[in-house]
Amino acid sequence: MKDLQQKSILIPFIVGSSYLTFISYFLSVQKIPSNVRNYSYEDYTLVAPLYLGVMAMIGRTLFGYNVWSYFLSGLLSGLIVAIYARCTNSYNFDTKEEWNKYMLYIILKHMFVHGIVIQLIERVI
């Protein structure tokens, strides 16, 4: 099955956009009051699974299938989200400290999801 994972770029996309991968993001965003976030939860639920799937696919293409490559793809994914959120003012944070906490949180979360969750699911398949 490992040869199939290395040959098919669709497996990382399917795993990255699966329920087990994105549920923690949905629960986190759902808890954020709508007056703090500048986007709709409905739009987020459509875009997030696709983004996570694409980033998992890009991560496998750029970094391969070794253990650390999953953490690298999580770092890249988290950085993209953090930079995008900051540039588009996705949240109504008042201080630089709030933005810094958010950015650290989102980068670590992406590294965990890619490095642990996606990696485990791909290895089980």
C-alpha atoms as a PDB file:
ATOM      1  CA  MET A   1       0.000   0.000   0.000  1.00  0.00           C
ATOM      2  CA  LYS A   2       2.961   2.323   0.588  1.00  0.00           C
ATOM      3  CA  ASP A   3       3.761   2.207  -3.156  1.00  0.00           C
ATOM      4  CA  LEU A   4       0.197   3.281  -3.905  1.00  0.00           C
ATOM      5  CA  GLN A   5       0.579   6.305  -1.599  1.00  0.00           C
ATOM      6  CA  GLN A   6       3.749   7.352  -3.364  1.00  0.00           C
ATOM      7  CA  LYS A   7       2.191   6.945  -6.810  1.00  0.00           C
ATOM      8  CA  SER A   8      -1.156   8.598  -6.160  1.00  0.00           C
ATOM      9  CA  ILE A   9      -1.202  12.285  -5.332  1.00  0.00           C
ATOM     10  CA  LEU A  10      -4.952  12.034  -4.718  1.00  0.00           C
ATOM     11  CA  ILE A  11      -4.539  10.138  -1.454  1.00  0.00           C
ATOM     12  CA  PRO A  12      -3.060  13.145   0.401  1.00  0.00           C
ATOM     13  CA  PHE A  13      -5.853  15.338  -1.005  1.00  0.00           C
ATOM     14  CA  ILE A  14      -8.563  12.927   0.140  1.00  0.00           C
ATOM     15  CA  VAL A  15      -6.988  12.494   3.578  1.00  0.00           C
ATOM     16  CA  GLY A  16      -6.348  16.235   3.972  1.00  0.00           C
ATOM     17  CA  SER A  17      -9.943  17.083   3.155  1.00  0.00           C
ATOM     18  CA  SER A  18     -11.432  14.300   5.295  1.00  0.00           C
ATOM     19  CA  TYR A  19     -13.630  14.831   8.338  1.00  0.00           C
ATOM     20  CA  LEU A  20     -10.984  13.614  10.785  1.00  0.00           C
ATOM     21  CA  THR A  21      -8.572  16.222   9.465  1.00  0.00           C
ATOM     22  CA  PHE A  22     -10.763  19.314   9.481  1.00  0.00           C
ATOM     23  CA  ILE A  23     -13.127  18.741  12.423  1.00  0.00           C
ATOM     24  CA  SER A  24     -10.820  20.433  14.943  1.00  0.00           C
ATOM     25  CA  TYR A  25     -10.678  23.553  12.742  1.00  0.00           C
ATOM     26  CA  PHE A  26     -14.466  23.682  12.426  1.00  0.00           C
ATOM     27  CA  LEU A  27     -14.949  23.376  16.166  1.00  0.00           C
ATOM     28  CA  SER A  28     -12.387  26.127  16.845  1.00  0.00           C
ATOM     29  CA  VAL A  29     -13.912  28.572  14.362  1.00  0.00           C
ATOM     30  CA  GLN A  30     -17.424  27.814  15.570  1.00  0.00           C
ATOM     31  CA  LYS A  31     -16.417  28.979  19.071  1.00  0.00           C
ATOM     32  CA  ILE A  32     -15.130  32.342  17.817  1.00  0.00           C
ATOM     33  CA  PRO A  33     -17.849  34.998  18.139  1.00  0.00           C
ATOM     34  CA  SER A  34     -19.047  36.313  14.768  1.00  0.00           C
ATOM     35  CA  ASN A  35     -18.137  39.873  15.793  1.00  0.00           C
ATOM     36  CA  VAL A  36     -14.477  38.805  16.165  1.00  0.00           C
ATOM     37  CA  ARG A  37     -14.132  37.059  12.802  1.00  0.00           C
ATOM     38  CA  ASN A  38     -14.654  38.856   9.509  1.00  0.00           C
ATOM     39  CA  TYR A  39     -15.856  35.868   7.502  1.00  0.00           C
ATOM     40  CA  SER A  40     -18.876  33.604   7.597  1.00  0.00           C
ATOM     41  CA  TYR A  41     -18.734  30.179   9.159  1.00  0.00           C
ATOM     42  CA  GLU A  42     -20.564  28.788   6.121  1.00  0.00           C
ATOM     43  CA  ASP A  43     -17.872  30.049   3.721  1.00  0.00           C
ATOM     44  CA  TYR A  44     -15.196  28.661   6.010  1.00  0.00           C
ATOM     45  CA  THR A  45     -16.763  25.194   6.026  1.00  0.00           C
ATOM     46  CA  LEU A  46     -16.616  25.131   2.232  1.00  0.00           C
ATOM     47  CA  VAL A  47     -13.069  26.425   1.830  1.00  0.00           C
ATOM     48  CA  ALA A  48     -11.215  24.791   4.747  1.00  0.00           C
ATOM     49  CA  PRO A  49     -11.443  21.124   3.653  1.00  0.00           C
ATOM     50  CA  LEU A  50     -10.360  22.016   0.122  1.00  0.00           C
ATOM     51  CA  TYR A  51      -7.446  24.078   1.408  1.00  0.00           C
ATOM     52  CA  LEU A  52      -6.296  21.323   3.778  1.00  0.00           C
ATOM     53  CA  GLY A  53      -6.538  18.732   1.003  1.00  0.00           C
ATOM     54  CA  VAL A  54      -4.591  20.862  -1.453  1.00  0.00           C
ATOM     55  CA  MET A  55      -1.920  21.663   1.141  1.00  0.00           C
ATOM     56  CA  ALA A  56      -1.542  17.968   2.016  1.00  0.00           C
ATOM     57  CA  MET A  57      -1.124  17.221  -1.688  1.00  0.00           C
ATOM     58  CA  ILE A  58       1.398  20.051  -2.154  1.00  0.00           C
ATOM     59  CA  GLY A  59       3.255  18.938   0.963  1.00  0.00           C
ATOM     60  CA  ARG A  60       3.684  15.404  -0.354  1.00  0.00           C
ATOM     61  CA  THR A  61       4.795  16.757  -3.739  1.00  0.00           C
ATOM     62  CA  LEU A  62       7.336  19.199  -2.278  1.00  0.00           C
ATOM     63  CA  PHE A  63       8.589  17.298   0.758  1.00  0.00           C
ATOM     64  CA  GLY A  64       7.830  13.600   0.176  1.00  0.00           C
ATOM     65  CA  TYR A  65       6.590  11.016   2.671  1.00  0.00           C
ATOM     66  CA  ASN A  66       9.172  10.957   5.452  1.00  0.00           C
ATOM     67  CA  VAL A  67       8.146  11.761   9.025  1.00  0.00           C
ATOM     68  CA  TRP A  68       9.453  15.346   9.077  1.00  0.00           C
ATOM     69  CA  SER A  69       7.956  16.224   5.694  1.00  0.00           C
ATOM     70  CA  TYR A  70       4.486  16.191   7.250  1.00  0.00           C
ATOM     71  CA  PHE A  71       5.553  18.734   9.858  1.00  0.00           C
ATOM     72  CA  LEU A  72       7.144  20.880   7.141  1.00  0.00           C
ATOM     73  CA  SER A  73       3.931  20.875   5.123  1.00  0.00           C
ATOM     74  CA  GLY A  74       2.053  21.819   8.301  1.00  0.00           C
ATOM     75  CA  LEU A  75       4.461  24.690   8.890  1.00  0.00           C
ATOM     76  CA  LEU A  76       3.979  25.911   5.316  1.00  0.00           C
ATOM     77  CA  SER A  77       0.201  25.558   5.560  1.00  0.00           C
ATOM     78  CA  GLY A  78       0.043  27.368   8.895  1.00  0.00           C
ATOM     79  CA  LEU A  79       2.262  30.197   7.667  1.00  0.00           C
ATOM     80  CA  ILE A  80       0.065  30.716   4.608  1.00  0.00           C
ATOM     81  CA  VAL A  81      -3.081  30.848   6.737  1.00  0.00           C
ATOM     82  CA  ALA A  82      -1.486  33.160   9.318  1.00  0.00           C
ATOM     83  CA  ILE A  83      -0.198  35.564   6.672  1.00  0.00           C
ATOM     84  CA  TYR A  84      -3.501  35.511   4.791  1.00  0.00           C
ATOM     85  CA  ALA A  85      -5.502  36.145   7.977  1.00  0.00           C
ATOM     86  CA  ARG A  86      -3.238  39.049   8.924  1.00  0.00           C
ATOM     87  CA  CYS A  87      -3.197  40.650   5.465  1.00  0.00           C
ATOM     88  CA  THR A  88      -6.981  40.417   5.075  1.00  0.00           C
ATOM     89  CA  ASN A  89      -7.776  41.308   8.712  1.00  0.00           C
ATOM     90  CA  SER A  90      -9.796  38.130   9.095  1.00  0.00           C
ATOM     91  CA  TYR A  91     -10.141  38.849  12.820  1.00  0.00           C
ATOM     92  CA  ASN A  92     -10.902  41.967  14.813  1.00  0.00           C
ATOM     93  CA  PHE A  93      -7.931  41.749  17.126  1.00  0.00           C
ATOM     94  CA  ASP A  94      -7.053  44.970  18.914  1.00  0.00           C
ATOM     95  CA  THR A  95      -3.431  44.348  19.765  1.00  0.00           C
ATOM     96  CA  LYS A  96      -0.328  42.966  18.131  1.00  0.00           C
ATOM     97  CA  GLU A  97      -0.142  40.470  21.001  1.00  0.00           C
ATOM     98  CA  GLU A  98      -3.532  39.001  20.022  1.00  0.00           C
ATOM     99  CA  TRP A  99      -2.347  38.618  16.429  1.00  0.00           C
ATOM    100  CA  ASN A 100       0.900  36.991  17.567  1.00  0.00           C
ATOM    101  CA  LYS A 101      -0.974  34.501  19.766  1.00  0.00           C
ATOM    102  CA  TYR A 102      -3.309  33.672  16.881  1.00  0.00           C
ATOM    103  CA  MET A 103      -0.434  33.209  14.453  1.00  0.00           C
ATOM    104  CA  LEU A 104       1.474  30.928  16.819  1.00  0.00           C
ATOM    105  CA  TYR A 105      -1.688  28.943  17.559  1.00  0.00           C
ATOM    106  CA  ILE A 106      -2.602  28.447  13.897  1.00  0.00           C
ATOM    107  CA  ILE A 107       0.922  27.445  12.865  1.00  0.00           C
ATOM    108  CA  LEU A 108       1.205  24.909  15.708  1.00  0.00           C
ATOM    109  CA  LYS A 109      -2.267  23.559  14.948  1.00  0.00           C
ATOM    110  CA  HIS A 110      -1.425  23.041  11.279  1.00  0.00           C
ATOM    111  CA  MET A 111       1.839  21.350  12.219  1.00  0.00           C
ATOM    112  CA  PHE A 112      -0.048  19.011  14.566  1.00  0.00           C
ATOM    113  CA  VAL A 113      -2.751  18.192  12.030  1.00  0.00           C
ATOM    114  CA  HIS A 114      -0.288  17.557   9.204  1.00  0.00           C
ATOM    115  CA  GLY A 115       2.441  16.000  11.341  1.00  0.00           C
ATOM    116  CA  ILE A 116       0.223  13.709  13.401  1.00  0.00           C
ATOM    117  CA  VAL A 117      -3.330  13.376  12.069  1.00  0.00           C
ATOM    118  CA  ILE A 118      -2.723  13.343   8.306  1.00  0.00           C
ATOM    119  CA  GLN A 119       0.440  11.273   8.639  1.00  0.00           C
ATOM    120  CA  LEU A 120      -1.310   8.614  10.751  1.00  0.00           C
ATOM    121  CA  ILE A 121      -4.311   8.412   8.425  1.00  0.00           C
ATOM    122  CA  GLU A 122      -2.087   8.089   5.343  1.00  0.00           C
ATOM    123  CA  ARG A 123      -0.014   5.365   6.961  1.00  0.00           C
ATOM    124  CA  VAL A 124      -3.132   3.392   7.941  1.00  0.00           C
ATOM    125  CA  ILE A 125      -4.593   3.505   4.432  1.00  0.00           C
END
